[in-house]
N, C-alpha and C. Protein backbone atom coordinates (compact mmCIF):
# COMPACT_ATOMS: atom_id res chain seq x y z
N MET A 1 -0.32 -43.19 -3.33
CA MET A 1 0.61 -44.28 -3.53
C MET A 1 1.73 -43.83 -4.46
N LYS A 2 2.89 -44.43 -4.25
CA LYS A 2 4.04 -44.18 -5.12
C LYS A 2 4.30 -45.46 -5.90
N LEU A 3 4.84 -45.29 -7.09
CA LEU A 3 5.20 -46.43 -7.94
C LEU A 3 6.68 -46.27 -8.29
N LEU A 4 7.43 -47.34 -8.14
CA LEU A 4 8.84 -47.37 -8.48
C LEU A 4 9.05 -48.47 -9.50
N ILE A 5 9.51 -48.09 -10.69
CA ILE A 5 9.82 -49.04 -11.76
C ILE A 5 11.33 -49.01 -11.93
N HIS A 6 11.96 -50.18 -11.83
CA HIS A 6 13.42 -50.18 -11.94
C HIS A 6 13.93 -51.48 -12.56
N ASP A 7 15.16 -51.39 -13.05
CA ASP A 7 15.82 -52.56 -13.64
C ASP A 7 17.09 -52.93 -12.88
N LEU A 8 17.18 -52.51 -11.64
CA LEU A 8 18.39 -52.73 -10.84
C LEU A 8 18.52 -54.19 -10.40
N GLU A 9 19.76 -54.61 -10.22
CA GLU A 9 20.03 -55.89 -9.58
C GLU A 9 19.63 -55.76 -8.11
N THR A 10 19.28 -56.87 -7.49
CA THR A 10 18.82 -56.85 -6.10
C THR A 10 19.81 -56.17 -5.17
N LYS A 11 21.10 -56.47 -5.32
CA LYS A 11 22.12 -55.87 -4.43
C LYS A 11 22.18 -54.35 -4.60
N ASP A 12 22.02 -53.86 -5.83
CA ASP A 12 22.04 -52.41 -6.06
C ASP A 12 20.78 -51.76 -5.52
N PHE A 13 19.63 -52.42 -5.70
CA PHE A 13 18.38 -51.89 -5.16
C PHE A 13 18.48 -51.76 -3.64
N GLU A 14 19.03 -52.76 -3.01
CA GLU A 14 19.15 -52.75 -1.54
C GLU A 14 20.12 -51.67 -1.05
N LYS A 15 21.12 -51.33 -1.87
CA LYS A 15 22.01 -50.22 -1.52
C LYS A 15 21.23 -48.90 -1.51
N LEU A 16 20.39 -48.72 -2.53
CA LEU A 16 19.65 -47.47 -2.65
C LEU A 16 18.48 -47.40 -1.67
N TYR A 17 17.89 -48.52 -1.39
CA TYR A 17 16.71 -48.58 -0.53
C TYR A 17 16.93 -49.61 0.58
N PRO A 18 17.76 -49.28 1.56
CA PRO A 18 18.04 -50.25 2.63
C PRO A 18 16.85 -50.48 3.55
N ASN A 19 15.91 -49.55 3.58
CA ASN A 19 14.74 -49.67 4.44
C ASN A 19 13.50 -49.97 3.61
N SER A 20 12.49 -50.41 4.27
CA SER A 20 11.22 -50.73 3.61
C SER A 20 10.63 -49.47 2.98
N LEU A 21 9.95 -49.62 1.87
CA LEU A 21 9.31 -48.51 1.17
C LEU A 21 7.79 -48.62 1.37
N ASP A 22 7.31 -48.10 2.47
CA ASP A 22 5.89 -48.15 2.75
C ASP A 22 5.12 -47.36 1.69
N GLU A 23 3.96 -47.86 1.36
CA GLU A 23 3.06 -47.23 0.39
C GLU A 23 3.70 -47.02 -0.97
N THR A 24 4.67 -47.86 -1.31
CA THR A 24 5.29 -47.80 -2.63
C THR A 24 5.15 -49.16 -3.31
N MET A 25 4.57 -49.14 -4.50
CA MET A 25 4.50 -50.36 -5.30
C MET A 25 5.79 -50.44 -6.10
N ILE A 26 6.46 -51.56 -6.02
CA ILE A 26 7.76 -51.72 -6.68
C ILE A 26 7.61 -52.70 -7.83
N ILE A 27 7.98 -52.24 -9.02
CA ILE A 27 7.96 -53.07 -10.22
C ILE A 27 9.41 -53.33 -10.61
N SER A 28 9.81 -54.60 -10.51
CA SER A 28 11.19 -54.96 -10.85
C SER A 28 11.18 -56.18 -11.75
N ASN A 29 12.32 -56.46 -12.32
CA ASN A 29 12.43 -57.55 -13.28
C ASN A 29 12.68 -58.88 -12.58
N ASP A 30 11.64 -59.68 -12.51
CA ASP A 30 11.81 -61.01 -11.93
C ASP A 30 11.89 -62.08 -13.01
N GLY A 31 11.99 -61.64 -14.26
CA GLY A 31 12.14 -62.58 -15.38
C GLY A 31 10.84 -63.15 -15.91
N THR A 32 9.70 -62.70 -15.38
CA THR A 32 8.42 -63.29 -15.81
C THR A 32 7.59 -62.39 -16.73
N ILE A 33 8.05 -61.17 -16.99
CA ILE A 33 7.24 -60.26 -17.81
C ILE A 33 7.19 -60.76 -19.25
N HIS A 34 6.01 -60.69 -19.83
CA HIS A 34 5.85 -60.99 -21.25
C HIS A 34 5.84 -59.67 -22.01
N HIS A 35 6.25 -59.71 -23.24
CA HIS A 35 6.28 -58.51 -24.07
C HIS A 35 4.88 -58.16 -24.55
N CYS A 36 4.61 -56.86 -24.66
CA CYS A 36 3.36 -56.40 -25.26
C CYS A 36 3.32 -56.95 -26.69
N ILE A 37 2.17 -57.51 -27.07
CA ILE A 37 2.06 -58.08 -28.41
C ILE A 37 1.32 -57.15 -29.37
N GLY A 38 0.97 -55.95 -28.89
CA GLY A 38 0.34 -54.96 -29.76
C GLY A 38 -1.04 -55.33 -30.23
N CYS A 39 -1.75 -56.13 -29.45
CA CYS A 39 -3.08 -56.59 -29.87
C CYS A 39 -4.18 -55.59 -29.57
N PHE A 40 -3.88 -54.60 -28.71
CA PHE A 40 -4.83 -53.59 -28.26
C PHE A 40 -6.02 -54.18 -27.51
N GLY A 41 -5.85 -55.42 -27.01
CA GLY A 41 -6.89 -56.04 -26.20
C GLY A 41 -7.20 -55.22 -24.96
N CYS A 42 -6.19 -54.55 -24.42
CA CYS A 42 -6.39 -53.72 -23.22
C CYS A 42 -7.28 -52.51 -23.51
N TRP A 43 -7.49 -52.22 -24.78
CA TRP A 43 -8.39 -51.14 -25.15
C TRP A 43 -9.76 -51.66 -25.55
N VAL A 44 -9.80 -52.78 -26.27
CA VAL A 44 -11.08 -53.19 -26.85
C VAL A 44 -11.68 -54.48 -26.28
N LYS A 45 -10.86 -55.43 -25.88
CA LYS A 45 -11.39 -56.70 -25.36
C LYS A 45 -11.62 -56.66 -23.86
N THR A 46 -10.63 -56.19 -23.14
CA THR A 46 -10.69 -56.14 -21.68
C THR A 46 -10.25 -54.75 -21.24
N PRO A 47 -11.08 -53.73 -21.46
CA PRO A 47 -10.66 -52.34 -21.21
C PRO A 47 -9.95 -52.15 -19.87
N ALA A 48 -8.79 -51.54 -19.96
CA ALA A 48 -7.95 -51.18 -18.83
C ALA A 48 -7.14 -52.34 -18.27
N ALA A 49 -7.27 -53.52 -18.84
CA ALA A 49 -6.47 -54.67 -18.36
C ALA A 49 -5.85 -55.38 -19.55
N CYS A 50 -4.60 -55.74 -19.42
CA CYS A 50 -3.89 -56.46 -20.47
C CYS A 50 -4.44 -57.88 -20.59
N VAL A 51 -4.54 -58.39 -21.80
CA VAL A 51 -5.04 -59.76 -22.01
C VAL A 51 -3.97 -60.81 -21.69
N ILE A 52 -2.72 -60.38 -21.56
CA ILE A 52 -1.66 -61.31 -21.21
C ILE A 52 -1.77 -61.59 -19.71
N GLY A 53 -1.79 -62.83 -19.36
CA GLY A 53 -2.05 -63.22 -17.98
C GLY A 53 -0.83 -63.31 -17.09
N ASP A 54 -0.05 -62.25 -16.98
CA ASP A 54 1.05 -62.25 -16.03
C ASP A 54 0.83 -61.12 -15.01
N LYS A 55 1.72 -61.00 -14.06
CA LYS A 55 1.51 -60.02 -12.98
C LYS A 55 1.71 -58.57 -13.41
N TYR A 56 2.09 -58.34 -14.65
CA TYR A 56 2.26 -56.98 -15.16
C TYR A 56 1.03 -56.50 -15.95
N GLY A 57 -0.03 -57.29 -15.94
CA GLY A 57 -1.22 -56.98 -16.73
C GLY A 57 -2.04 -55.82 -16.24
N ASP A 58 -1.81 -55.37 -15.02
CA ASP A 58 -2.58 -54.25 -14.46
C ASP A 58 -1.75 -52.99 -14.34
N MET A 59 -0.77 -52.81 -15.20
CA MET A 59 0.10 -51.64 -15.10
C MET A 59 -0.67 -50.33 -15.26
N GLY A 60 -1.63 -50.30 -16.16
CA GLY A 60 -2.44 -49.09 -16.33
C GLY A 60 -3.18 -48.74 -15.06
N LYS A 61 -3.78 -49.74 -14.44
CA LYS A 61 -4.51 -49.52 -13.19
C LYS A 61 -3.54 -49.10 -12.08
N SER A 62 -2.34 -49.68 -12.07
CA SER A 62 -1.34 -49.29 -11.07
C SER A 62 -0.98 -47.82 -11.21
N LEU A 63 -0.80 -47.35 -12.44
CA LEU A 63 -0.52 -45.93 -12.66
C LEU A 63 -1.67 -45.06 -12.19
N SER A 64 -2.89 -45.58 -12.32
CA SER A 64 -4.08 -44.79 -11.96
C SER A 64 -4.17 -44.51 -10.47
N LYS A 65 -3.43 -45.24 -9.67
CA LYS A 65 -3.48 -45.08 -8.22
C LYS A 65 -2.32 -44.25 -7.68
N CYS A 66 -1.48 -43.75 -8.57
CA CYS A 66 -0.24 -43.09 -8.15
C CYS A 66 -0.34 -41.58 -8.10
N LYS A 67 0.47 -41.04 -7.21
CA LYS A 67 0.73 -39.60 -7.17
C LYS A 67 2.15 -39.33 -7.64
N GLU A 68 3.02 -40.34 -7.48
CA GLU A 68 4.42 -40.20 -7.89
C GLU A 68 4.89 -41.49 -8.56
N VAL A 69 5.63 -41.34 -9.65
CA VAL A 69 6.25 -42.47 -10.33
C VAL A 69 7.73 -42.17 -10.46
N THR A 70 8.55 -43.09 -9.98
CA THR A 70 10.00 -42.98 -10.14
C THR A 70 10.45 -44.12 -11.04
N ILE A 71 11.24 -43.80 -12.04
CA ILE A 71 11.79 -44.79 -12.95
C ILE A 71 13.31 -44.75 -12.83
N ILE A 72 13.90 -45.90 -12.59
CA ILE A 72 15.36 -46.03 -12.57
C ILE A 72 15.72 -47.01 -13.67
N SER A 73 16.48 -46.53 -14.66
CA SER A 73 16.78 -47.36 -15.82
C SER A 73 18.20 -47.14 -16.31
N ARG A 74 18.80 -48.22 -16.74
CA ARG A 74 20.05 -48.10 -17.49
C ARG A 74 19.73 -47.32 -18.76
N CYS A 75 20.58 -46.41 -19.14
CA CYS A 75 20.37 -45.63 -20.36
C CYS A 75 20.86 -46.46 -21.55
N CYS A 76 19.96 -46.79 -22.44
CA CYS A 76 20.29 -47.61 -23.61
C CYS A 76 20.09 -46.78 -24.88
N TYR A 77 21.18 -46.25 -25.39
CA TYR A 77 21.13 -45.45 -26.63
C TYR A 77 20.12 -44.31 -26.53
N GLY A 78 20.04 -43.68 -25.38
CA GLY A 78 19.12 -42.57 -25.20
C GLY A 78 17.71 -42.99 -24.86
N GLY A 79 17.52 -44.23 -24.47
CA GLY A 79 16.20 -44.72 -24.10
C GLY A 79 16.26 -45.56 -22.84
N PHE A 80 15.12 -46.12 -22.53
CA PHE A 80 15.02 -46.98 -21.36
C PHE A 80 15.61 -48.36 -21.65
N SER A 81 15.94 -49.08 -20.59
CA SER A 81 16.39 -50.46 -20.74
C SER A 81 15.23 -51.29 -21.29
N PRO A 82 15.52 -52.44 -21.87
CA PRO A 82 14.43 -53.28 -22.42
C PRO A 82 13.35 -53.61 -21.39
N PHE A 83 13.71 -53.91 -20.15
CA PHE A 83 12.70 -54.22 -19.15
C PHE A 83 11.80 -53.02 -18.87
N VAL A 84 12.39 -51.86 -18.61
CA VAL A 84 11.59 -50.67 -18.30
C VAL A 84 10.72 -50.29 -19.49
N LYS A 85 11.26 -50.37 -20.69
CA LYS A 85 10.46 -50.09 -21.90
C LYS A 85 9.27 -51.04 -21.98
N ASN A 86 9.50 -52.30 -21.67
CA ASN A 86 8.43 -53.28 -21.70
C ASN A 86 7.34 -52.94 -20.68
N VAL A 87 7.73 -52.54 -19.48
CA VAL A 87 6.75 -52.15 -18.46
C VAL A 87 5.93 -50.96 -18.97
N LEU A 88 6.59 -49.98 -19.56
CA LEU A 88 5.87 -48.83 -20.08
C LEU A 88 4.95 -49.22 -21.23
N ASP A 89 5.40 -50.13 -22.09
CA ASP A 89 4.54 -50.62 -23.17
C ASP A 89 3.30 -51.29 -22.59
N ARG A 90 3.47 -52.05 -21.54
CA ARG A 90 2.37 -52.77 -20.92
C ARG A 90 1.45 -51.84 -20.12
N SER A 91 1.81 -50.56 -20.04
CA SER A 91 1.00 -49.57 -19.31
C SER A 91 0.06 -48.80 -20.22
N ILE A 92 -0.02 -49.18 -21.48
CA ILE A 92 -0.83 -48.42 -22.44
C ILE A 92 -2.31 -48.38 -22.06
N SER A 93 -2.76 -49.35 -21.25
CA SER A 93 -4.16 -49.35 -20.83
C SER A 93 -4.48 -48.18 -19.90
N TYR A 94 -3.47 -47.43 -19.50
CA TYR A 94 -3.69 -46.23 -18.67
C TYR A 94 -4.49 -45.18 -19.44
N VAL A 95 -4.40 -45.20 -20.75
CA VAL A 95 -5.11 -44.23 -21.58
C VAL A 95 -6.16 -44.95 -22.44
N HIS A 96 -7.09 -44.16 -22.96
CA HIS A 96 -8.11 -44.68 -23.88
C HIS A 96 -7.54 -44.79 -25.30
N PRO A 97 -8.16 -45.58 -26.17
CA PRO A 97 -7.73 -45.61 -27.56
C PRO A 97 -8.18 -44.37 -28.33
N TYR A 98 -9.07 -43.59 -27.73
CA TYR A 98 -9.60 -42.39 -28.38
C TYR A 98 -8.65 -41.22 -28.18
N PHE A 99 -8.78 -40.23 -29.05
CA PHE A 99 -7.83 -39.12 -29.02
C PHE A 99 -8.44 -37.83 -28.52
N ALA A 100 -7.57 -36.97 -28.03
CA ALA A 100 -7.92 -35.62 -27.61
C ALA A 100 -6.76 -34.72 -28.00
N THR A 101 -7.04 -33.45 -28.14
CA THR A 101 -6.00 -32.49 -28.48
C THR A 101 -5.49 -31.85 -27.20
N ARG A 102 -4.18 -31.93 -26.98
CA ARG A 102 -3.52 -31.28 -25.85
C ARG A 102 -2.33 -30.51 -26.39
N ASN A 103 -2.27 -29.25 -26.04
CA ASN A 103 -1.16 -28.39 -26.49
C ASN A 103 -1.03 -28.41 -28.01
N GLY A 104 -2.16 -28.47 -28.71
CA GLY A 104 -2.15 -28.45 -30.17
C GLY A 104 -1.70 -29.75 -30.81
N GLU A 105 -1.60 -30.82 -30.03
CA GLU A 105 -1.17 -32.13 -30.54
C GLU A 105 -2.21 -33.19 -30.19
N MET A 106 -2.27 -34.22 -31.02
CA MET A 106 -3.18 -35.34 -30.77
C MET A 106 -2.53 -36.33 -29.81
N HIS A 107 -3.26 -36.67 -28.76
CA HIS A 107 -2.79 -37.65 -27.77
C HIS A 107 -3.98 -38.47 -27.32
N HIS A 108 -3.70 -39.63 -26.75
CA HIS A 108 -4.77 -40.47 -26.24
C HIS A 108 -5.47 -39.77 -25.08
N ARG A 109 -6.80 -39.99 -25.01
CA ARG A 109 -7.58 -39.44 -23.91
C ARG A 109 -7.23 -40.15 -22.62
N ARG A 110 -7.38 -39.44 -21.54
CA ARG A 110 -7.14 -40.01 -20.22
C ARG A 110 -8.23 -41.01 -19.88
N ARG A 111 -7.87 -42.09 -19.26
CA ARG A 111 -8.86 -43.05 -18.76
C ARG A 111 -9.16 -42.76 -17.28
N TYR A 112 -8.16 -42.26 -16.57
CA TYR A 112 -8.28 -42.05 -15.12
C TYR A 112 -8.12 -40.57 -14.80
N GLU A 113 -8.61 -40.18 -13.64
CA GLU A 113 -8.59 -38.77 -13.24
C GLU A 113 -7.32 -38.36 -12.49
N ASN A 114 -6.55 -39.33 -12.02
CA ASN A 114 -5.38 -38.95 -11.22
C ASN A 114 -4.33 -38.24 -12.07
N HIS A 115 -3.54 -37.45 -11.42
CA HIS A 115 -2.37 -36.81 -12.04
C HIS A 115 -1.16 -37.22 -11.20
N PHE A 116 -0.09 -37.59 -11.87
CA PHE A 116 1.09 -37.98 -11.11
C PHE A 116 2.32 -37.25 -11.61
N ASP A 117 3.29 -37.18 -10.70
CA ASP A 117 4.60 -36.60 -11.01
C ASP A 117 5.54 -37.74 -11.34
N MET A 118 6.41 -37.52 -12.31
CA MET A 118 7.35 -38.55 -12.73
C MET A 118 8.78 -38.04 -12.59
N ARG A 119 9.62 -38.89 -12.02
CA ARG A 119 11.05 -38.60 -11.89
C ARG A 119 11.78 -39.78 -12.52
N VAL A 120 12.79 -39.49 -13.35
CA VAL A 120 13.53 -40.55 -14.04
C VAL A 120 15.01 -40.42 -13.75
N TRP A 121 15.60 -41.55 -13.41
CA TRP A 121 17.04 -41.67 -13.19
C TRP A 121 17.60 -42.60 -14.25
N PHE A 122 18.53 -42.11 -15.04
CA PHE A 122 19.25 -42.93 -16.01
C PHE A 122 20.66 -43.16 -15.49
N TYR A 123 21.12 -44.39 -15.55
CA TYR A 123 22.49 -44.68 -15.12
C TYR A 123 23.24 -45.40 -16.23
N GLY A 124 24.55 -45.26 -16.20
CA GLY A 124 25.42 -45.92 -17.16
C GLY A 124 26.71 -45.15 -17.31
N GLU A 125 27.77 -45.89 -17.53
CA GLU A 125 29.07 -45.25 -17.69
C GLU A 125 29.13 -44.49 -19.00
N ASN A 126 29.64 -43.28 -18.92
CA ASN A 126 29.92 -42.48 -20.12
C ASN A 126 28.71 -42.29 -21.03
N ILE A 127 27.59 -41.87 -20.46
CA ILE A 127 26.42 -41.57 -21.28
C ILE A 127 26.75 -40.31 -22.09
N MET A 128 26.68 -40.43 -23.40
CA MET A 128 27.04 -39.32 -24.28
C MET A 128 25.97 -38.23 -24.23
N GLU A 129 26.37 -37.00 -24.50
CA GLU A 129 25.45 -35.87 -24.47
C GLU A 129 24.27 -36.08 -25.44
N ARG A 130 24.56 -36.65 -26.57
CA ARG A 130 23.49 -36.91 -27.55
C ARG A 130 22.47 -37.90 -27.00
N GLU A 131 22.94 -38.91 -26.28
CA GLU A 131 22.02 -39.86 -25.64
C GLU A 131 21.18 -39.18 -24.57
N LYS A 132 21.79 -38.27 -23.82
CA LYS A 132 21.06 -37.54 -22.79
C LYS A 132 19.94 -36.70 -23.42
N GLN A 133 20.25 -36.04 -24.52
CA GLN A 133 19.23 -35.23 -25.18
C GLN A 133 18.08 -36.10 -25.71
N THR A 134 18.43 -37.25 -26.28
CA THR A 134 17.41 -38.18 -26.76
C THR A 134 16.54 -38.67 -25.60
N ALA A 135 17.17 -39.03 -24.50
CA ALA A 135 16.44 -39.51 -23.32
C ALA A 135 15.50 -38.43 -22.77
N LYS A 136 15.96 -37.21 -22.73
CA LYS A 136 15.11 -36.11 -22.25
C LYS A 136 13.89 -35.93 -23.15
N ARG A 137 14.09 -36.01 -24.45
CA ARG A 137 12.96 -35.89 -25.39
C ARG A 137 11.98 -37.06 -25.20
N LEU A 138 12.52 -38.25 -25.00
CA LEU A 138 11.69 -39.43 -24.79
C LEU A 138 10.83 -39.30 -23.53
N VAL A 139 11.45 -38.89 -22.43
CA VAL A 139 10.72 -38.74 -21.17
C VAL A 139 9.64 -37.66 -21.33
N LYS A 140 9.98 -36.58 -22.00
CA LYS A 140 8.99 -35.52 -22.22
C LYS A 140 7.82 -36.05 -23.05
N ALA A 141 8.10 -36.80 -24.10
CA ALA A 141 7.04 -37.37 -24.93
C ALA A 141 6.17 -38.34 -24.11
N ASN A 142 6.81 -39.17 -23.29
CA ASN A 142 6.06 -40.08 -22.43
C ASN A 142 5.17 -39.31 -21.47
N SER A 143 5.68 -38.23 -20.92
CA SER A 143 4.89 -37.45 -19.97
C SER A 143 3.69 -36.80 -20.64
N ILE A 144 3.84 -36.39 -21.88
CA ILE A 144 2.70 -35.81 -22.60
C ILE A 144 1.67 -36.90 -22.86
N ASN A 145 2.12 -38.07 -23.29
CA ASN A 145 1.19 -39.16 -23.57
C ASN A 145 0.46 -39.63 -22.30
N LEU A 146 1.17 -39.65 -21.18
CA LEU A 146 0.56 -40.08 -19.92
C LEU A 146 -0.10 -38.93 -19.17
N ASP A 147 0.03 -37.72 -19.72
CA ASP A 147 -0.53 -36.52 -19.11
C ASP A 147 -0.06 -36.36 -17.67
N CYS A 148 1.25 -36.48 -17.48
CA CYS A 148 1.83 -36.32 -16.15
C CYS A 148 2.90 -35.24 -16.19
N LYS A 149 3.40 -34.88 -15.03
CA LYS A 149 4.41 -33.84 -14.90
C LYS A 149 5.77 -34.47 -14.62
N VAL A 150 6.79 -34.06 -15.37
CA VAL A 150 8.16 -34.53 -15.13
C VAL A 150 8.77 -33.62 -14.07
N CYS A 151 9.20 -34.20 -12.97
CA CYS A 151 9.81 -33.44 -11.87
C CYS A 151 11.32 -33.54 -11.86
N GLY A 152 11.86 -34.34 -12.75
CA GLY A 152 13.31 -34.43 -12.82
C GLY A 152 13.78 -35.58 -13.69
N ILE A 153 14.87 -35.31 -14.40
CA ILE A 153 15.57 -36.33 -15.18
C ILE A 153 17.03 -36.20 -14.78
N THR A 154 17.57 -37.27 -14.23
CA THR A 154 18.94 -37.24 -13.72
C THR A 154 19.76 -38.33 -14.38
N PHE A 155 20.99 -38.00 -14.72
CA PHE A 155 21.92 -38.95 -15.32
C PHE A 155 23.09 -39.16 -14.37
N VAL A 156 23.42 -40.42 -14.12
CA VAL A 156 24.56 -40.75 -13.26
C VAL A 156 25.38 -41.83 -13.94
N ASN A 157 26.66 -41.88 -13.59
CA ASN A 157 27.56 -42.89 -14.16
C ASN A 157 27.44 -44.24 -13.46
N SER A 158 27.02 -44.20 -12.19
CA SER A 158 26.98 -45.44 -11.42
C SER A 158 25.85 -45.40 -10.41
N ILE A 159 25.49 -46.56 -9.92
CA ILE A 159 24.47 -46.68 -8.90
C ILE A 159 24.90 -45.92 -7.64
N GLU A 160 26.18 -45.99 -7.32
CA GLU A 160 26.70 -45.33 -6.12
C GLU A 160 26.43 -43.83 -6.13
N GLU A 161 26.40 -43.22 -7.30
CA GLU A 161 26.11 -41.78 -7.39
C GLU A 161 24.68 -41.46 -6.97
N MET A 162 23.80 -42.46 -7.04
CA MET A 162 22.39 -42.24 -6.65
C MET A 162 22.19 -42.38 -5.15
N GLU A 163 23.09 -43.05 -4.46
CA GLU A 163 22.92 -43.31 -3.03
C GLU A 163 22.74 -41.99 -2.28
N GLY A 164 21.72 -41.98 -1.43
CA GLY A 164 21.44 -40.80 -0.62
C GLY A 164 20.66 -39.72 -1.35
N GLN A 165 20.43 -39.89 -2.65
CA GLN A 165 19.69 -38.88 -3.42
C GLN A 165 18.28 -39.30 -3.76
N ILE A 166 18.01 -40.58 -3.76
CA ILE A 166 16.72 -41.10 -4.18
C ILE A 166 15.86 -41.37 -2.95
N LEU A 167 14.61 -41.04 -3.04
CA LEU A 167 13.67 -41.38 -1.96
C LEU A 167 12.86 -42.57 -2.34
C-alpha cells in the first residue's frame, strides 16, 4: 500500500492526480483533525492507537501497512505545514516508547516490521536556501525516527511545477 499525506487544496490535488489512485491511502485536511495532546496514551493506554477519537487516530497503523509514503507540504520556515506536522505528530504510535540504539544514536524502537520509502515535496514561492537546508535536516531526522528510507526531497515554487512529476 502507498500512503499520500498532503495539504493541497482540492483543485490543486486534482491537477496533480486527475485519475484515481488505486491502493493509495490519502490523508488530506478536511478540517476535522485534532492536535496531538502529548498524553502518550497511544503508547501506554491504547498501544498503537491514539486516544483521540477522530479519523486520524490510526496513523501509526496506517504507516505500518505502507511500502511508500509521499508527503506534499507547503514549506513553512523550513518545516512542514501545520496540517502535515499534525499528521506526523499523530503518527507517533508507529514506534514504541522504548528506545534502541541506531547508528550510535538513541531512537524509539520499531513497533512494526515493515520498511517504507519516503518522498517529500515542499512547495512555496521563493523558498530560501536556509529553509531548504532546515527542511532536509528535518526530513532526515524524521526518517531516522521512523526507520525509513528517504528517496527524495524536492522543492518547487508552485503546484504547477509538480504536474507530471508525481506518481
